[in-house]
Every structure is written in C-alpha cells, then in structure tokens.
C-alpha cells in the first residue's frame, strides 16, 4: 500500500473526528464538550471533501458549525449556572452501554469488510466536476423553487418571533 499525502490527510481527519467525538462524550465541562463537537463537525466536513461531496462539506460548515453549534454554545452559556456535571452511572448501565457499543462496532466493521473497494474517480485522470452548481440550478430553476422559498419564509417568521419573545420590554 502506497502512502501518499492525500492518505495521510484523510487519516488525520478521521483520527481528529474520532478523537474529538470521544471527547464530546467523556469531557465533564459542557462548554469543552461543545468545542469538541465543533472539531468533530469540522472533521466530518473534511471527510465529505474526500468523498467529493463539496456541497455537503460547505453545508456542514455553514449550517452545523456556523449555526447550530453557535446556538448550542449561546444556550449553554446563557442558561447554565453550573458548567460541571456530576453524573452518577450505575455499573449495569456501563456494561449494557459497552455491550451495545461493541455490537455496533462489530456490525460496522462487518459492513466495512464486506463492502467492495470503490474506485476513486479523481485518481484515473478524470476531471472532478463540483456538484454545487448543479444543486443550485435544481433549487433555483426547477421544481424545488417553491418549497425552498416557503422554507425560507417560515425560517424568517420563526427568527422574528424568537427575537420578539426575547425582548425584555415585551416580556414585562
């Protein structure tokens, strides 16, 4: 097996994603867990780039890292007085969780072992065509324009409603 820079970067993203995901579930400080979740989401975006899914990678960074994670951080920092969580875990819960985790790991490894090797399209000299322009044309020119606009108006109304609810003058 030939080790290239591309392979090393891929394994770097994979290890970063797995390591930070492990930190999300093991760290006791919820703010640190949220920042570890940010690293996990960036790692997943990097893996999407390696799958030649540029639109998914950009969406991952914009929506999840840029929007959802910031919302989680603001929610945690504004509502939580205690950032350290003391959770008591019974021994039975640990054994059951470990057993389920091992079963899922074995299922995942079985699927990976039985999946035929995919041919990387960019390695044989073909030109990679980004999917973003095709998806944009589908959304804005064809049958998905009306649902796209309805969703955007619905999100705008929800944002205005949230801003009105959070205003101090209105609450008092």
C-alpha atoms as a PDB file:
ATOM      1  CA  UNK A   1       0.000   0.000   0.000  1.00  0.00           C
ATOM      2  CA  UNK A   2       1.423   3.321  -1.077  1.00  0.00           C
ATOM      3  CA  UNK A   3       1.178   6.104   1.477  1.00  0.00           C
ATOM      4  CA  UNK A   4       0.568   9.474  -0.130  1.00  0.00           C
ATOM      5  CA  UNK A   5      -0.049  12.919   1.307  1.00  0.00           C
ATOM      6  CA  UNK A   6      -3.733  12.513   0.457  1.00  0.00           C
ATOM      7  CA  UNK A   7      -3.892   9.310   2.514  1.00  0.00           C
ATOM      8  CA  UNK A   8      -2.158  10.937   5.476  1.00  0.00           C
ATOM      9  CA  UNK A   9      -4.538  13.904   5.417  1.00  0.00           C
ATOM     10  CA  UNK A  10      -7.527  11.553   5.230  1.00  0.00           C
ATOM     11  CA  UNK A  11      -6.336   9.562   8.240  1.00  0.00           C
ATOM     12  CA  UNK A  12      -5.612  12.830  10.048  1.00  0.00           C
ATOM     13  CA  UNK A  13      -9.209  13.967   9.539  1.00  0.00           C
ATOM     14  CA  UNK A  14     -10.509  10.537  10.563  1.00  0.00           C
ATOM     15  CA  UNK A  15      -8.443  10.473  13.769  1.00  0.00           C
ATOM     16  CA  UNK A  16      -9.356  14.065  14.575  1.00  0.00           C
ATOM     17  CA  UNK A  17     -13.050  13.281  14.122  1.00  0.00           C
ATOM     18  CA  UNK A  18     -12.953  10.110  16.223  1.00  0.00           C
ATOM     19  CA  UNK A  19     -10.823  11.698  18.957  1.00  0.00           C
ATOM     20  CA  UNK A  20     -12.960  14.792  19.297  1.00  0.00           C
ATOM     21  CA  UNK A  21     -16.172  12.731  19.202  1.00  0.00           C
ATOM     22  CA  UNK A  22     -14.776  10.678  22.082  1.00  0.00           C
ATOM     23  CA  UNK A  23     -14.007  13.924  23.914  1.00  0.00           C
ATOM     24  CA  UNK A  24     -17.597  15.116  23.394  1.00  0.00           C
ATOM     25  CA  UNK A  25     -18.984  12.189  25.370  1.00  0.00           C
ATOM     26  CA  UNK A  26     -16.265  11.969  28.035  1.00  0.00           C
ATOM     27  CA  UNK A  27     -15.499  15.587  28.994  1.00  0.00           C
ATOM     28  CA  UNK A  28     -17.335  16.795  32.111  1.00  0.00           C
ATOM     29  CA  UNK A  29     -17.333  20.510  31.200  1.00  0.00           C
ATOM     30  CA  UNK A  30     -20.232  21.130  28.818  1.00  0.00           C
ATOM     31  CA  UNK A  31     -18.538  24.107  27.126  1.00  0.00           C
ATOM     32  CA  UNK A  32     -15.467  21.984  26.386  1.00  0.00           C
ATOM     33  CA  UNK A  33     -17.787  19.287  25.037  1.00  0.00           C
ATOM     34  CA  UNK A  34     -19.398  21.848  22.713  1.00  0.00           C
ATOM     35  CA  UNK A  35     -15.994  22.940  21.412  1.00  0.00           C
ATOM     36  CA  UNK A  36     -15.022  19.301  20.906  1.00  0.00           C
ATOM     37  CA  UNK A  37     -18.275  18.914  18.943  1.00  0.00           C
ATOM     38  CA  UNK A  38     -17.122  21.793  16.748  1.00  0.00           C
ATOM     39  CA  UNK A  39     -13.890  19.943  15.952  1.00  0.00           C
ATOM     40  CA  UNK A  40     -15.908  16.790  15.234  1.00  0.00           C
ATOM     41  CA  UNK A  41     -18.160  18.639  12.798  1.00  0.00           C
ATOM     42  CA  UNK A  42     -15.151  20.184  11.049  1.00  0.00           C
ATOM     43  CA  UNK A  43     -13.625  16.708  10.744  1.00  0.00           C
ATOM     44  CA  UNK A  44     -16.814  15.368   9.187  1.00  0.00           C
ATOM     45  CA  UNK A  45     -16.737  18.266   6.707  1.00  0.00           C
ATOM     46  CA  UNK A  46     -13.165  17.314   5.811  1.00  0.00           C
ATOM     47  CA  UNK A  47     -14.241  13.724   5.230  1.00  0.00           C
ATOM     48  CA  UNK A  48     -17.033  14.984   2.966  1.00  0.00           C
ATOM     49  CA  UNK A  49     -14.366  16.748   0.886  1.00  0.00           C
ATOM     50  CA  UNK A  50     -12.566  13.428   0.481  1.00  0.00           C
ATOM     51  CA  UNK A  51     -15.847  11.857  -0.680  1.00  0.00           C
ATOM     52  CA  UNK A  52     -16.024  14.574  -3.359  1.00  0.00           C
ATOM     53  CA  UNK A  53     -19.209  15.969  -1.821  1.00  0.00           C
ATOM     54  CA  UNK A  54     -18.264  19.632  -1.837  1.00  0.00           C
ATOM     55  CA  UNK A  55     -21.815  20.864  -1.294  1.00  0.00           C
ATOM     56  CA  UNK A  56     -22.250  18.678   1.791  1.00  0.00           C
ATOM     57  CA  UNK A  57     -18.908  19.865   3.168  1.00  0.00           C
ATOM     58  CA  UNK A  58     -19.848  23.531   2.736  1.00  0.00           C
ATOM     59  CA  UNK A  59     -23.308  22.903   4.190  1.00  0.00           C
ATOM     60  CA  UNK A  60     -21.757  21.087   7.152  1.00  0.00           C
ATOM     61  CA  UNK A  61     -19.536  24.046   7.960  1.00  0.00           C
ATOM     62  CA  UNK A  62     -22.141  26.753   7.356  1.00  0.00           C
ATOM     63  CA  UNK A  63     -25.191  25.134   8.947  1.00  0.00           C
ATOM     64  CA  UNK A  64     -23.825  22.933  11.706  1.00  0.00           C
ATOM     65  CA  UNK A  65     -20.596  24.637  12.725  1.00  0.00           C
ATOM     66  CA  UNK A  66     -21.726  28.157  11.934  1.00  0.00           C
ATOM     67  CA  UNK A  67     -25.325  27.971  13.072  1.00  0.00           C
ATOM     68  CA  UNK A  68     -26.298  25.054  15.244  1.00  0.00           C
ATOM     69  CA  UNK A  69     -23.109  24.928  17.295  1.00  0.00           C
ATOM     70  CA  UNK A  70     -23.168  28.670  17.979  1.00  0.00           C
ATOM     71  CA  UNK A  71     -26.788  28.281  19.079  1.00  0.00           C
ATOM     72  CA  UNK A  72     -25.799  25.437  21.412  1.00  0.00           C
ATOM     73  CA  UNK A  73     -22.946  27.495  22.895  1.00  0.00           C
ATOM     74  CA  UNK A  74     -25.167  30.528  23.471  1.00  0.00           C
ATOM     75  CA  UNK A  75     -27.851  28.333  25.015  1.00  0.00           C
ATOM     76  CA  UNK A  76     -25.387  26.659  27.340  1.00  0.00           C
ATOM     77  CA  UNK A  77     -23.636  29.848  28.365  1.00  0.00           C
ATOM     78  CA  UNK A  78     -26.828  31.827  28.952  1.00  0.00           C
ATOM     79  CA  UNK A  79     -28.858  29.205  30.817  1.00  0.00           C
ATOM     80  CA  UNK A  80     -26.371  27.139  32.750  1.00  0.00           C
ATOM     81  CA  UNK A  81     -25.086  28.340  36.079  1.00  0.00           C
ATOM     82  CA  UNK A  82     -23.106  25.156  36.607  1.00  0.00           C
ATOM     83  CA  UNK A  83     -20.747  24.026  33.904  1.00  0.00           C
ATOM     84  CA  UNK A  84     -19.525  20.916  35.744  1.00  0.00           C
ATOM     85  CA  UNK A  85     -21.925  17.995  35.583  1.00  0.00           C
ATOM     86  CA  UNK A  86     -21.746  15.285  38.232  1.00  0.00           C
ATOM     87  CA  UNK A  87     -23.444  12.251  36.767  1.00  0.00           C
ATOM     88  CA  UNK A  88     -23.691   9.013  38.703  1.00  0.00           C
ATOM     89  CA  UNK A  89     -23.537   5.973  36.426  1.00  0.00           C
ATOM     90  CA  UNK A  90     -24.515   2.535  37.656  1.00  0.00           C
ATOM     91  CA  UNK A  91     -22.344  -0.478  36.829  1.00  0.00           C
ATOM     92  CA  UNK A  92     -25.219  -2.127  34.910  1.00  0.00           C
ATOM     93  CA  UNK A  93     -25.541   0.921  32.684  1.00  0.00           C
ATOM     94  CA  UNK A  94     -21.832   0.779  31.850  1.00  0.00           C
ATOM     95  CA  UNK A  95     -21.989  -2.920  30.998  1.00  0.00           C
ATOM     96  CA  UNK A  96     -25.117  -2.505  28.852  1.00  0.00           C
ATOM     97  CA  UNK A  97     -23.673   0.546  27.083  1.00  0.00           C
ATOM     98  CA  UNK A  98     -20.360  -1.218  26.476  1.00  0.00           C
ATOM     99  CA  UNK A  99     -22.129  -4.289  25.087  1.00  0.00           C
ATOM    100  CA  UNK A 100     -24.256  -2.225  22.711  1.00  0.00           C
ATOM    101  CA  UNK A 101     -21.182  -0.263  21.638  1.00  0.00           C
ATOM    102  CA  UNK A 102     -19.237  -3.458  20.894  1.00  0.00           C
ATOM    103  CA  UNK A 103     -22.178  -4.911  18.956  1.00  0.00           C
ATOM    104  CA  UNK A 104     -22.464  -1.754  16.836  1.00  0.00           C
ATOM    105  CA  UNK A 105     -18.698  -1.707  16.294  1.00  0.00           C
ATOM    106  CA  UNK A 106     -18.743  -5.317  15.112  1.00  0.00           C
ATOM    107  CA  UNK A 107     -21.665  -4.551  12.771  1.00  0.00           C
ATOM    108  CA  UNK A 108     -19.828  -1.544  11.357  1.00  0.00           C
ATOM    109  CA  UNK A 109     -16.594  -3.497  10.864  1.00  0.00           C
ATOM    110  CA  UNK A 110     -18.528  -6.303   9.140  1.00  0.00           C
ATOM    111  CA  UNK A 111     -20.111  -3.816   6.734  1.00  0.00           C
ATOM    112  CA  UNK A 112     -16.716  -2.225   6.054  1.00  0.00           C
ATOM    113  CA  UNK A 113     -15.073  -5.611   5.444  1.00  0.00           C
ATOM    114  CA  UNK A 114     -17.821  -6.747   3.043  1.00  0.00           C
ATOM    115  CA  UNK A 115     -18.042  -3.526   1.041  1.00  0.00           C
ATOM    116  CA  UNK A 116     -16.241  -3.732  -2.290  1.00  0.00           C
ATOM    117  CA  UNK A 117     -13.439  -1.240  -2.835  1.00  0.00           C
ATOM    118  CA  UNK A 118     -14.615   1.909  -4.540  1.00  0.00           C
ATOM    119  CA  UNK A 119     -12.683   3.334  -7.413  1.00  0.00           C
ATOM    120  CA  UNK A 120     -11.623   6.894  -6.724  1.00  0.00           C
ATOM    121  CA  UNK A 121     -12.743   8.878  -9.752  1.00  0.00           C
ATOM    122  CA  UNK A 122     -10.114  11.587  -9.390  1.00  0.00           C
ATOM    123  CA  UNK A 123      -7.198   9.123  -9.475  1.00  0.00           C
ATOM    124  CA  UNK A 124      -7.760   7.916 -13.045  1.00  0.00           C
ATOM    125  CA  UNK A 125      -7.316  11.317 -14.692  1.00  0.00           C
ATOM    126  CA  UNK A 126     -10.968  12.344 -14.947  1.00  0.00           C
ATOM    127  CA  UNK A 127     -11.800  15.898 -14.027  1.00  0.00           C
ATOM    128  CA  UNK A 128     -13.754  16.442 -10.811  1.00  0.00           C
ATOM    129  CA  UNK A 129     -16.939  18.390 -11.512  1.00  0.00           C
ATOM    130  CA  UNK A 130     -18.297  20.203  -8.458  1.00  0.00           C
ATOM    131  CA  UNK A 131     -21.875  19.383  -7.516  1.00  0.00           C
ATOM    132  CA  UNK A 132     -22.673  22.792  -6.040  1.00  0.00           C
ATOM    133  CA  UNK A 133     -23.663  24.445  -9.329  1.00  0.00           C
ATOM    134  CA  UNK A 134     -25.936  21.544 -10.303  1.00  0.00           C
ATOM    135  CA  UNK A 135     -27.665  21.597  -6.909  1.00  0.00           C
ATOM    136  CA  UNK A 136     -28.079  25.386  -7.099  1.00  0.00           C
ATOM    137  CA  UNK A 137     -29.688  25.130 -10.539  1.00  0.00           C
ATOM    138  CA  UNK A 138     -32.066  22.430  -9.304  1.00  0.00           C
ATOM    139  CA  UNK A 139     -33.126  24.505  -6.308  1.00  0.00           C
ATOM    140  CA  UNK A 140     -33.481  27.863  -8.033  1.00  0.00           C
ATOM    141  CA  UNK A 141     -34.634  26.977 -11.561  1.00  0.00           C
ATOM    142  CA  UNK A 142     -36.750  23.869 -11.359  1.00  0.00           C
ATOM    143  CA  UNK A 143     -39.321  22.105  -9.213  1.00  0.00           C
ATOM    144  CA  UNK A 144     -37.714  22.907  -5.848  1.00  0.00           C
ATOM    145  CA  UNK A 145     -38.017  26.698  -6.029  1.00  0.00           C
ATOM    146  CA  UNK A 146     -41.413  26.953  -4.287  1.00  0.00           C
ATOM    147  CA  UNK A 147     -40.539  24.640  -1.332  1.00  0.00           C
ATOM    148  CA  UNK A 148     -37.210  26.488  -0.959  1.00  0.00           C
ATOM    149  CA  UNK A 149     -38.960  29.858  -0.752  1.00  0.00           C
ATOM    150  CA  UNK A 150     -41.625  28.536   1.639  1.00  0.00           C
ATOM    151  CA  UNK A 151     -38.933  27.165   3.949  1.00  0.00           C
ATOM    152  CA  UNK A 152     -37.030  30.467   3.859  1.00  0.00           C
ATOM    153  CA  UNK A 153     -40.161  32.494   4.726  1.00  0.00           C
ATOM    154  CA  UNK A 154     -41.010  30.054   7.541  1.00  0.00           C
ATOM    155  CA  UNK A 155     -37.500  30.374   8.991  1.00  0.00           C
ATOM    156  CA  UNK A 156     -37.688  34.171   8.742  1.00  0.00           C
ATOM    157  CA  UNK A 157     -41.008  34.206  10.629  1.00  0.00           C
ATOM    158  CA  UNK A 158     -39.525  31.909  13.318  1.00  0.00           C
ATOM    159  CA  UNK A 159     -36.488  34.202  13.665  1.00  0.00           C
ATOM    160  CA  UNK A 160     -38.664  37.316  14.018  1.00  0.00           C
ATOM    161  CA  UNK A 161     -40.856  35.507  16.579  1.00  0.00           C
ATOM    162  CA  UNK A 162     -37.822  34.441  18.608  1.00  0.00           C
ATOM    163  CA  UNK A 163     -36.478  37.991  18.591  1.00  0.00           C
ATOM    164  CA  UNK A 164     -39.837  39.353  19.768  1.00  0.00           C
ATOM    165  CA  UNK A 165     -40.139  36.769  22.543  1.00  0.00           C
ATOM    166  CA  UNK A 166     -36.642  37.504  23.838  1.00  0.00           C
ATOM    167  CA  UNK A 167     -37.147  41.280  24.028  1.00  0.00           C
ATOM    168  CA  UNK A 168     -37.328  42.493  27.604  1.00  0.00           C
ATOM    169  CA  UNK A 169     -39.998  45.171  27.001  1.00  0.00           C
ATOM    170  CA  UNK A 170     -42.420  42.660  25.506  1.00  0.00           C
ATOM    171  CA  UNK A 171     -41.937  40.151  28.356  1.00  0.00           C
ATOM    172  CA  UNK A 172     -42.616  42.753  31.060  1.00  0.00           C
END
